[in-house]
């Protein structure tokens, strides 16, 4: 029975993560410039969003965990995204 159980580390190593070549995050920069607090930057657990000198926010989409926190936090609805076609492939779970 012990031989049929796959060790945890071996199972985790079978997961793959592929980054899409196109960003799935879209930010309306005209609306974004009007926001002073930029809550999207604070709530993102992956550090996806970064303030730019011109008052806008840019997204490093390859960092995104797709949790949706920034979408909810943006008070002006300036952030939208489509779910990427890549991401994590789980073989066990």
PDB file of N, CA and C in Angstrom:
ATOM      1  N   UNK A   1       0.818  -1.195   0.000  1.00  0.00           N
ATOM      2  CA  UNK A   1       0.000   0.000   0.000  1.00  0.00           C
ATOM      3  C   UNK A   1       0.862   1.258   0.000  1.00  0.00           C
ATOM      4  N   UNK A   2       1.975   1.252   0.751  1.00  0.00           N
ATOM      5  CA  UNK A   2       2.838   2.423   0.824  1.00  0.00           C
ATOM      6  C   UNK A   2       3.416   2.799  -0.537  1.00  0.00           C
ATOM      7  N   UNK A   3       3.735   1.822  -1.355  1.00  0.00           N
ATOM      8  CA  UNK A   3       4.341   2.089  -2.654  1.00  0.00           C
ATOM      9  C   UNK A   3       3.368   2.737  -3.624  1.00  0.00           C
ATOM     10  N   UNK A   4       2.082   2.602  -3.395  1.00  0.00           N
ATOM     11  CA  UNK A   4       1.103   3.168  -4.318  1.00  0.00           C
ATOM     12  C   UNK A   4       0.791   4.634  -4.010  1.00  0.00           C
ATOM     13  N   UNK A   5       1.244   5.140  -2.880  1.00  0.00           N
ATOM     14  CA  UNK A   5       1.010   6.524  -2.504  1.00  0.00           C
ATOM     15  C   UNK A   5       2.155   7.383  -3.050  1.00  0.00           C
ATOM     16  N   UNK A   6       1.810   8.409  -3.830  1.00  0.00           N
ATOM     17  CA  UNK A   6       2.823   9.287  -4.407  1.00  0.00           C
ATOM     18  C   UNK A   6       3.202  10.341  -3.363  1.00  0.00           C
ATOM     19  N   UNK A   7       4.495  10.473  -3.059  1.00  0.00           N
ATOM     20  CA  UNK A   7       4.927  11.454  -2.061  1.00  0.00           C
ATOM     21  C   UNK A   7       4.501  12.876  -2.443  1.00  0.00           C
ATOM     22  N   UNK A   8       4.254  13.684  -1.439  1.00  0.00           N
ATOM     23  CA  UNK A   8       3.756  15.041  -1.651  1.00  0.00           C
ATOM     24  C   UNK A   8       4.669  15.860  -2.556  1.00  0.00           C
ATOM     25  N   UNK A   9       5.951  15.858  -2.315  1.00  0.00           N
ATOM     26  CA  UNK A   9       6.861  16.666  -3.125  1.00  0.00           C
ATOM     27  C   UNK A   9       6.845  16.240  -4.591  1.00  0.00           C
ATOM     28  N   UNK A  10       6.706  14.965  -4.820  1.00  0.00           N
ATOM     29  CA  UNK A  10       6.651  14.486  -6.203  1.00  0.00           C
ATOM     30  C   UNK A  10       5.361  14.951  -6.875  1.00  0.00           C
ATOM     31  N   UNK A  11       4.251  14.949  -6.147  1.00  0.00           N
ATOM     32  CA  UNK A  11       2.974  15.417  -6.711  1.00  0.00           C
ATOM     33  C   UNK A  11       3.030  16.906  -7.020  1.00  0.00           C
ATOM     34  N   UNK A  12       3.609  17.699  -6.114  1.00  0.00           N
ATOM     35  CA  UNK A  12       3.694  19.134  -6.334  1.00  0.00           C
ATOM     36  C   UNK A  12       4.567  19.465  -7.528  1.00  0.00           C
ATOM     37  N   UNK A  13       5.570  18.684  -7.773  1.00  0.00           N
ATOM     38  CA  UNK A  13       6.459  18.960  -8.897  1.00  0.00           C
ATOM     39  C   UNK A  13       5.784  18.685 -10.243  1.00  0.00           C
ATOM     40  N   UNK A  14       4.644  18.032 -10.234  1.00  0.00           N
ATOM     41  CA  UNK A  14       3.944  17.761 -11.480  1.00  0.00           C
ATOM     42  C   UNK A  14       3.051  18.924 -11.914  1.00  0.00           C
ATOM     43  N   UNK A  15       2.827  19.891 -11.034  1.00  0.00           N
ATOM     44  CA  UNK A  15       2.033  21.055 -11.405  1.00  0.00           C
ATOM     45  C   UNK A  15       2.858  21.934 -12.330  1.00  0.00           C
ATOM     46  N   UNK A  16       2.194  22.504 -13.330  1.00  0.00           N
ATOM     47  CA  UNK A  16       2.872  23.382 -14.276  1.00  0.00           C
ATOM     48  C   UNK A  16       2.196  24.744 -14.266  1.00  0.00           C
ATOM     49  N   UNK A  17       2.983  25.780 -14.481  1.00  0.00           N
ATOM     50  CA  UNK A  17       2.439  27.126 -14.580  1.00  0.00           C
ATOM     51  C   UNK A  17       2.933  27.742 -15.878  1.00  0.00           C
ATOM     52  N   UNK A  18       2.005  28.144 -16.724  1.00  0.00           N
ATOM     53  CA  UNK A  18       2.350  28.773 -17.995  1.00  0.00           C
ATOM     54  C   UNK A  18       1.784  30.179 -18.026  1.00  0.00           C
ATOM     55  N   UNK A  19       2.624  31.141 -18.403  1.00  0.00           N
ATOM     56  CA  UNK A  19       2.192  32.522 -18.496  1.00  0.00           C
ATOM     57  C   UNK A  19       1.738  32.807 -19.920  1.00  0.00           C
ATOM     58  N   UNK A  20       0.569  33.421 -20.052  1.00  0.00           N
ATOM     59  CA  UNK A  20       0.067  33.817 -21.357  1.00  0.00           C
ATOM     60  C   UNK A  20       0.963  34.906 -21.939  1.00  0.00           C
ATOM     61  N   UNK A  21       0.983  35.020 -23.235  1.00  0.00           N
ATOM     62  CA  UNK A  21       1.779  36.051 -23.888  1.00  0.00           C
ATOM     63  C   UNK A  21       1.056  37.398 -23.896  1.00  0.00           C
ATOM     64  N   UNK A  22      -0.246  37.404 -23.675  1.00  0.00           N
ATOM     65  CA  UNK A  22      -1.028  38.634 -23.642  1.00  0.00           C
ATOM     66  C   UNK A  22      -1.582  38.865 -22.243  1.00  0.00           C
ATOM     67  N   UNK A  23      -1.647  40.124 -21.866  1.00  0.00           N
ATOM     68  CA  UNK A  23      -2.196  40.467 -20.559  1.00  0.00           C
ATOM     69  C   UNK A  23      -3.698  40.221 -20.522  1.00  0.00           C
ATOM     70  N   UNK A  24      -4.166  39.651 -19.448  1.00  0.00           N
ATOM     71  CA  UNK A  24      -5.600  39.460 -19.255  1.00  0.00           C
ATOM     72  C   UNK A  24      -6.202  40.601 -18.441  1.00  0.00           C
ATOM     73  N   UNK A  25      -5.354  41.545 -18.023  1.00  0.00           N
ATOM     74  CA  UNK A  25      -5.787  42.683 -17.215  1.00  0.00           C
ATOM     75  C   UNK A  25      -5.836  43.934 -18.085  1.00  0.00           C
ATOM     76  N   UNK A  26      -6.933  44.651 -17.978  1.00  0.00           N
ATOM     77  CA  UNK A  26      -7.097  45.898 -18.718  1.00  0.00           C
ATOM     78  C   UNK A  26      -7.406  47.016 -17.718  1.00  0.00           C
ATOM     79  N   UNK A  27      -6.677  48.118 -17.835  1.00  0.00           N
ATOM     80  CA  UNK A  27      -6.871  49.257 -16.938  1.00  0.00           C
ATOM     81  C   UNK A  27      -7.219  50.485 -17.778  1.00  0.00           C
ATOM     82  N   UNK A  28      -8.333  51.112 -17.462  1.00  0.00           N
ATOM     83  CA  UNK A  28      -8.713  52.357 -18.126  1.00  0.00           C
ATOM     84  C   UNK A  28      -7.904  53.474 -17.481  1.00  0.00           C
ATOM     85  N   UNK A  29      -6.848  53.906 -18.154  1.00  0.00           N
ATOM     86  CA  UNK A  29      -5.919  54.871 -17.557  1.00  0.00           C
ATOM     87  C   UNK A  29      -6.542  56.246 -17.356  1.00  0.00           C
ATOM     88  N   UNK A  30      -7.508  56.617 -18.181  1.00  0.00           N
ATOM     89  CA  UNK A  30      -8.170  57.919 -17.993  1.00  0.00           C
ATOM     90  C   UNK A  30      -8.923  57.950 -16.668  1.00  0.00           C
ATOM     91  N   UNK A  31      -9.590  56.869 -16.342  1.00  0.00           N
ATOM     92  CA  UNK A  31     -10.300  56.782 -15.060  1.00  0.00           C
ATOM     93  C   UNK A  31      -9.299  56.614 -13.919  1.00  0.00           C
ATOM     94  N   UNK A  32      -8.286  55.812 -14.146  1.00  0.00           N
ATOM     95  CA  UNK A  32      -7.289  55.504 -13.120  1.00  0.00           C
ATOM     96  C   UNK A  32      -6.577  56.770 -12.621  1.00  0.00           C
ATOM     97  N   UNK A  33      -6.329  57.717 -13.507  1.00  0.00           N
ATOM     98  CA  UNK A  33      -5.645  58.957 -13.110  1.00  0.00           C
ATOM     99  C   UNK A  33      -6.428  59.753 -12.068  1.00  0.00           C
ATOM    100  N   UNK A  34      -7.741  59.597 -12.053  1.00  0.00           N
ATOM    101  CA  UNK A  34      -8.568  60.361 -11.114  1.00  0.00           C
ATOM    102  C   UNK A  34      -8.557  59.772  -9.705  1.00  0.00           C
ATOM    103  N   UNK A  35      -8.085  58.557  -9.569  1.00  0.00           N
ATOM    104  CA  UNK A  35      -8.057  57.893  -8.263  1.00  0.00           C
ATOM    105  C   UNK A  35      -6.804  58.303  -7.500  1.00  0.00           C
ATOM    106  N   UNK A  36      -6.984  58.789  -6.302  1.00  0.00           N
ATOM    107  CA  UNK A  36      -5.858  59.252  -5.489  1.00  0.00           C
ATOM    108  C   UNK A  36      -5.277  58.115  -4.650  1.00  0.00           C
ATOM    109  N   UNK A  37      -6.140  57.301  -4.070  1.00  0.00           N
ATOM    110  CA  UNK A  37      -5.690  56.295  -3.102  1.00  0.00           C
ATOM    111  C   UNK A  37      -5.108  55.031  -3.724  1.00  0.00           C
ATOM    112  N   UNK A  38      -5.530  54.660  -4.904  1.00  0.00           N
ATOM    113  CA  UNK A  38      -5.046  53.461  -5.606  1.00  0.00           C
ATOM    114  C   UNK A  38      -5.136  52.199  -4.733  1.00  0.00           C
ATOM    115  N   UNK A  39      -6.338  51.838  -4.273  1.00  0.00           N
ATOM    116  CA  UNK A  39      -6.476  50.668  -3.398  1.00  0.00           C
ATOM    117  C   UNK A  39      -6.095  49.355  -4.083  1.00  0.00           C
ATOM    118  N   UNK A  40      -6.112  49.317  -5.390  1.00  0.00           N
ATOM    119  CA  UNK A  40      -5.734  48.080  -6.092  1.00  0.00           C
ATOM    120  C   UNK A  40      -4.311  47.656  -5.747  1.00  0.00           C
ATOM    121  N   UNK A  41      -3.445  48.630  -5.545  1.00  0.00           N
ATOM    122  CA  UNK A  41      -2.049  48.327  -5.210  1.00  0.00           C
ATOM    123  C   UNK A  41      -1.957  47.697  -3.819  1.00  0.00           C
ATOM    124  N   UNK A  42      -2.725  48.226  -2.892  1.00  0.00           N
ATOM    125  CA  UNK A  42      -2.668  47.734  -1.499  1.00  0.00           C
ATOM    126  C   UNK A  42      -3.284  46.358  -1.323  1.00  0.00           C
ATOM    127  N   UNK A  43      -4.363  46.070  -2.053  1.00  0.00           N
ATOM    128  CA  UNK A  43      -5.072  44.811  -1.801  1.00  0.00           C
ATOM    129  C   UNK A  43      -4.527  43.619  -2.578  1.00  0.00           C
ATOM    130  N   UNK A  44      -3.741  43.867  -3.601  1.00  0.00           N
ATOM    131  CA  UNK A  44      -3.243  42.748  -4.417  1.00  0.00           C
ATOM    132  C   UNK A  44      -2.183  41.951  -3.659  1.00  0.00           C
ATOM    133  N   UNK A  45      -2.446  40.667  -3.382  1.00  0.00           N
ATOM    134  CA  UNK A  45      -1.485  39.866  -2.620  1.00  0.00           C
ATOM    135  C   UNK A  45      -0.234  39.494  -3.415  1.00  0.00           C
ATOM    136  N   UNK A  46      -0.282  39.653  -4.740  1.00  0.00           N
ATOM    137  CA  UNK A  46       0.849  39.253  -5.580  1.00  0.00           C
ATOM    138  C   UNK A  46       1.705  40.425  -6.033  1.00  0.00           C
ATOM    139  N   UNK A  47       1.328  41.636  -5.663  1.00  0.00           N
ATOM    140  CA  UNK A  47       2.103  42.799  -6.100  1.00  0.00           C
ATOM    141  C   UNK A  47       2.005  43.047  -7.592  1.00  0.00           C
ATOM    142  N   UNK A  48       0.847  42.765  -8.157  1.00  0.00           N
ATOM    143  CA  UNK A  48       0.643  42.888  -9.602  1.00  0.00           C
ATOM    144  C   UNK A  48       0.611  44.341 -10.063  1.00  0.00           C
ATOM    145  N   UNK A  49       0.078  45.226  -9.242  1.00  0.00           N
ATOM    146  CA  UNK A  49      -0.159  46.610  -9.654  1.00  0.00           C
ATOM    147  C   UNK A  49       0.920  47.539  -9.125  1.00  0.00           C
ATOM    148  N   UNK A  50       1.317  48.494  -9.979  1.00  0.00           N
ATOM    149  CA  UNK A  50       2.381  49.431  -9.632  1.00  0.00           C
ATOM    150  C   UNK A  50       1.978  50.839 -10.067  1.00  0.00           C
ATOM    151  N   UNK A  51       2.170  51.814  -9.169  1.00  0.00           N
ATOM    152  CA  UNK A  51       1.867  53.214  -9.486  1.00  0.00           C
ATOM    153  C   UNK A  51       2.944  53.766 -10.419  1.00  0.00           C
ATOM    154  N   UNK A  52       2.496  54.509 -11.415  1.00  0.00           N
ATOM    155  CA  UNK A  52       3.401  55.129 -12.375  1.00  0.00           C
ATOM    156  C   UNK A  52       3.494  56.629 -12.086  1.00  0.00           C
ATOM    157  N   UNK A  53       4.562  57.291 -12.521  1.00  0.00           N
ATOM    158  CA  UNK A  53       4.729  58.725 -12.263  1.00  0.00           C
ATOM    159  C   UNK A  53       3.609  59.607 -12.838  1.00  0.00           C
ATOM    160  N   UNK A  54       2.950  59.145 -13.890  1.00  0.00           N
ATOM    161  CA  UNK A  54       1.893  59.951 -14.513  1.00  0.00           C
ATOM    162  C   UNK A  54       0.541  59.821 -13.801  1.00  0.00           C
ATOM    163  N   UNK A  55       0.506  59.087 -12.679  1.00  0.00           N
ATOM    164  CA  UNK A  55      -0.726  58.947 -11.908  1.00  0.00           C
ATOM    165  C   UNK A  55      -1.559  57.727 -12.261  1.00  0.00           C
ATOM    166  N   UNK A  56      -1.102  56.953 -13.219  1.00  0.00           N
ATOM    167  CA  UNK A  56      -1.820  55.738 -13.586  1.00  0.00           C
ATOM    168  C   UNK A  56      -1.236  54.547 -12.838  1.00  0.00           C
ATOM    169  N   UNK A  57      -1.824  53.410 -13.057  1.00  0.00           N
ATOM    170  CA  UNK A  57      -1.344  52.150 -12.483  1.00  0.00           C
ATOM    171  C   UNK A  57      -1.087  51.194 -13.638  1.00  0.00           C
ATOM    172  N   UNK A  58      -0.005  50.485 -13.553  1.00  0.00           N
ATOM    173  CA  UNK A  58       0.278  49.463 -14.551  1.00  0.00           C
ATOM    174  C   UNK A  58       0.173  48.094 -13.885  1.00  0.00           C
ATOM    175  N   UNK A  59      -0.113  47.080 -14.690  1.00  0.00           N
ATOM    176  CA  UNK A  59      -0.278  45.724 -14.153  1.00  0.00           C
ATOM    177  C   UNK A  59       0.788  44.803 -14.718  1.00  0.00           C
ATOM    178  N   UNK A  60       1.458  44.095 -13.839  1.00  0.00           N
ATOM    179  CA  UNK A  60       2.394  43.042 -14.236  1.00  0.00           C
ATOM    180  C   UNK A  60       1.588  41.739 -14.231  1.00  0.00           C
ATOM    181  N   UNK A  61       0.916  41.473 -15.338  1.00  0.00           N
ATOM    182  CA  UNK A  61      -0.073  40.398 -15.394  1.00  0.00           C
ATOM    183  C   UNK A  61       0.489  39.023 -15.082  1.00  0.00           C
ATOM    184  N   UNK A  62       1.757  38.820 -15.322  1.00  0.00           N
ATOM    185  CA  UNK A  62       2.346  37.504 -15.069  1.00  0.00           C
ATOM    186  C   UNK A  62       2.406  37.172 -13.580  1.00  0.00           C
ATOM    187  N   UNK A  63       2.268  38.166 -12.729  1.00  0.00           N
ATOM    188  CA  UNK A  63       2.254  37.952 -11.274  1.00  0.00           C
ATOM    189  C   UNK A  63       0.858  37.623 -10.743  1.00  0.00           C
ATOM    190  N   UNK A  64      -0.159  37.901 -11.518  1.00  0.00           N
ATOM    191  CA  UNK A  64      -1.548  37.842 -11.058  1.00  0.00           C
ATOM    192  C   UNK A  64      -1.966  36.444 -10.606  1.00  0.00           C
ATOM    193  N   UNK A  65      -2.608  36.385  -9.449  1.00  0.00           N
ATOM    194  CA  UNK A  65      -3.144  35.132  -8.911  1.00  0.00           C
ATOM    195  C   UNK A  65      -4.605  34.917  -9.306  1.00  0.00           C
ATOM    196  N   UNK A  66      -5.184  35.910  -9.994  1.00  0.00           N
ATOM    197  CA  UNK A  66      -6.573  35.859 -10.452  1.00  0.00           C
ATOM    198  C   UNK A  66      -7.572  35.778  -9.299  1.00  0.00           C
ATOM    199  N   UNK A  67      -7.262  36.435  -8.199  1.00  0.00           N
ATOM    200  CA  UNK A  67      -8.154  36.395  -7.033  1.00  0.00           C
ATOM    201  C   UNK A  67      -9.306  37.392  -7.151  1.00  0.00           C
ATOM    202  N   UNK A  68      -9.136  38.425  -7.958  1.00  0.00           N
ATOM    203  CA  UNK A  68     -10.190  39.409  -8.145  1.00  0.00           C
ATOM    204  C   UNK A  68     -10.220  40.522  -7.109  1.00  0.00           C
ATOM    205  N   UNK A  69      -9.252  40.569  -6.209  1.00  0.00           N
ATOM    206  CA  UNK A  69      -9.254  41.582  -5.151  1.00  0.00           C
ATOM    207  C   UNK A  69      -9.180  43.001  -5.720  1.00  0.00           C
ATOM    208  N   UNK A  70      -8.355  43.218  -6.718  1.00  0.00           N
ATOM    209  CA  UNK A  70      -8.213  44.560  -7.296  1.00  0.00           C
ATOM    210  C   UNK A  70      -9.485  44.999  -8.007  1.00  0.00           C
ATOM    211  N   UNK A  71     -10.172  44.059  -8.632  1.00  0.00           N
ATOM    212  CA  UNK A  71     -11.437  44.385  -9.301  1.00  0.00           C
ATOM    213  C   UNK A  71     -12.453  44.918  -8.308  1.00  0.00           C
ATOM    214  N   UNK A  72     -12.515  44.294  -7.156  1.00  0.00           N
ATOM    215  CA  UNK A  72     -13.459  44.690  -6.115  1.00  0.00           C
ATOM    216  C   UNK A  72     -13.013  45.995  -5.456  1.00  0.00           C
ATOM    217  N   UNK A  73     -11.711  46.163  -5.265  1.00  0.00           N
ATOM    218  CA  UNK A  73     -11.189  47.329  -4.546  1.00  0.00           C
ATOM    219  C   UNK A  73     -11.243  48.619  -5.362  1.00  0.00           C
ATOM    220  N   UNK A  74     -11.202  48.518  -6.669  1.00  0.00           N
ATOM    221  CA  UNK A  74     -11.186  49.722  -7.512  1.00  0.00           C
ATOM    222  C   UNK A  74     -12.531  50.445  -7.399  1.00  0.00           C
ATOM    223  N   UNK A  75     -12.543  51.658  -6.819  1.00  0.00           N
ATOM    224  CA  UNK A  75     -13.806  52.350  -6.600  1.00  0.00           C
ATOM    225  C   UNK A  75     -14.451  52.901  -7.877  1.00  0.00           C
ATOM    226  N   UNK A  76     -13.688  52.935  -8.972  1.00  0.00           N
ATOM    227  CA  UNK A  76     -14.192  53.506 -10.212  1.00  0.00           C
ATOM    228  C   UNK A  76     -14.432  52.470 -11.308  1.00  0.00           C
ATOM    229  N   UNK A  77     -14.149  51.217 -11.032  1.00  0.00           N
ATOM    230  CA  UNK A  77     -14.341  50.176 -12.035  1.00  0.00           C
ATOM    231  C   UNK A  77     -13.381  50.292 -13.207  1.00  0.00           C
ATOM    232  N   UNK A  78     -12.194  50.824 -12.956  1.00  0.00           N
ATOM    233  CA  UNK A  78     -11.219  51.037 -14.025  1.00  0.00           C
ATOM    234  C   UNK A  78     -10.469  49.769 -14.412  1.00  0.00           C
ATOM    235  N   UNK A  79     -10.573  48.733 -13.604  1.00  0.00           N
ATOM    236  CA  UNK A  79      -9.859  47.485 -13.874  1.00  0.00           C
ATOM    237  C   UNK A  79     -10.850  46.424 -14.343  1.00  0.00           C
ATOM    238  N   UNK A  80     -10.481  45.754 -15.399  1.00  0.00           N
ATOM    239  CA  UNK A  80     -11.277  44.616 -15.865  1.00  0.00           C
ATOM    240  C   UNK A  80     -10.302  43.569 -16.390  1.00  0.00           C
ATOM    241  N   UNK A  81     -10.753  42.335 -16.382  1.00  0.00           N
ATOM    242  CA  UNK A  81      -9.919  41.324 -17.024  1.00  0.00           C
ATOM    243  C   UNK A  81     -10.726  40.127 -17.442  1.00  0.00           C
ATOM    244  N   UNK A  82     -10.164  39.419 -18.399  1.00  0.00           N
ATOM    245  CA  UNK A  82     -10.726  38.148 -18.839  1.00  0.00           C
ATOM    246  C   UNK A  82      -9.830  37.063 -18.258  1.00  0.00           C
ATOM    247  N   UNK A  83     -10.412  35.936 -17.952  1.00  0.00           N
ATOM    248  CA  UNK A  83      -9.611  34.858 -17.362  1.00  0.00           C
ATOM    249  C   UNK A  83      -8.625  34.361 -18.399  1.00  0.00           C
ATOM    250  N   UNK A  84      -7.347  34.238 -18.041  1.00  0.00           N
ATOM    251  CA  UNK A  84      -6.332  33.826 -19.019  1.00  0.00           C
ATOM    252  C   UNK A  84      -6.519  32.390 -19.473  1.00  0.00           C
ATOM    253  N   UNK A  85      -5.999  32.099 -20.644  1.00  0.00           N
ATOM    254  CA  UNK A  85      -6.127  30.755 -21.192  1.00  0.00           C
ATOM    255  C   UNK A  85      -5.030  29.817 -20.707  1.00  0.00           C
ATOM    256  N   UNK A  86      -4.074  30.330 -19.974  1.00  0.00           N
ATOM    257  CA  UNK A  86      -2.987  29.486 -19.436  1.00  0.00           C
ATOM    258  C   UNK A  86      -3.240  29.281 -17.952  1.00  0.00           C
ATOM    259  N   UNK A  87      -2.228  29.437 -17.139  1.00  0.00           N
ATOM    260  CA  UNK A  87      -2.388  29.312 -15.696  1.00  0.00           C
ATOM    261  C   UNK A  87      -1.799  28.022 -15.182  1.00  0.00           C
ATOM    262  N   UNK A  88      -2.327  27.553 -14.078  1.00  0.00           N
ATOM    263  CA  UNK A  88      -1.791  26.361 -13.427  1.00  0.00           C
ATOM    264  C   UNK A  88      -2.555  25.132 -13.892  1.00  0.00           C
ATOM    265  N   UNK A  89      -1.817  24.090 -14.193  1.00  0.00           N
ATOM    266  CA  UNK A  89      -2.414  22.805 -14.529  1.00  0.00           C
ATOM    267  C   UNK A  89      -2.150  21.863 -13.365  1.00  0.00           C
ATOM    268  N   UNK A  90      -3.209  21.418 -12.710  1.00  0.00           N
ATOM    269  CA  UNK A  90      -3.074  20.498 -11.583  1.00  0.00           C
ATOM    270  C   UNK A  90      -3.277  19.075 -12.066  1.00  0.00           C
ATOM    271  N   UNK A  91      -2.380  18.205 -11.691  1.00  0.00           N
ATOM    272  CA  UNK A  91      -2.521  16.805 -12.076  1.00  0.00           C
ATOM    273  C   UNK A  91      -3.117  15.977 -10.951  1.00  0.00           C
ATOM    274  N   UNK A  92      -3.029  16.510  -9.736  1.00  0.00           N
ATOM    275  CA  UNK A  92      -3.616  15.845  -8.577  1.00  0.00           C
ATOM    276  C   UNK A  92      -4.379  16.891  -7.794  1.00  0.00           C
ATOM    277  N   UNK A  93      -5.390  16.485  -7.080  1.00  0.00           N
ATOM    278  CA  UNK A  93      -6.050  17.453  -6.237  1.00  0.00           C
ATOM    279  C   UNK A  93      -7.458  17.244  -6.190  1.00  0.00           C
TER     280      UNK A  93
END
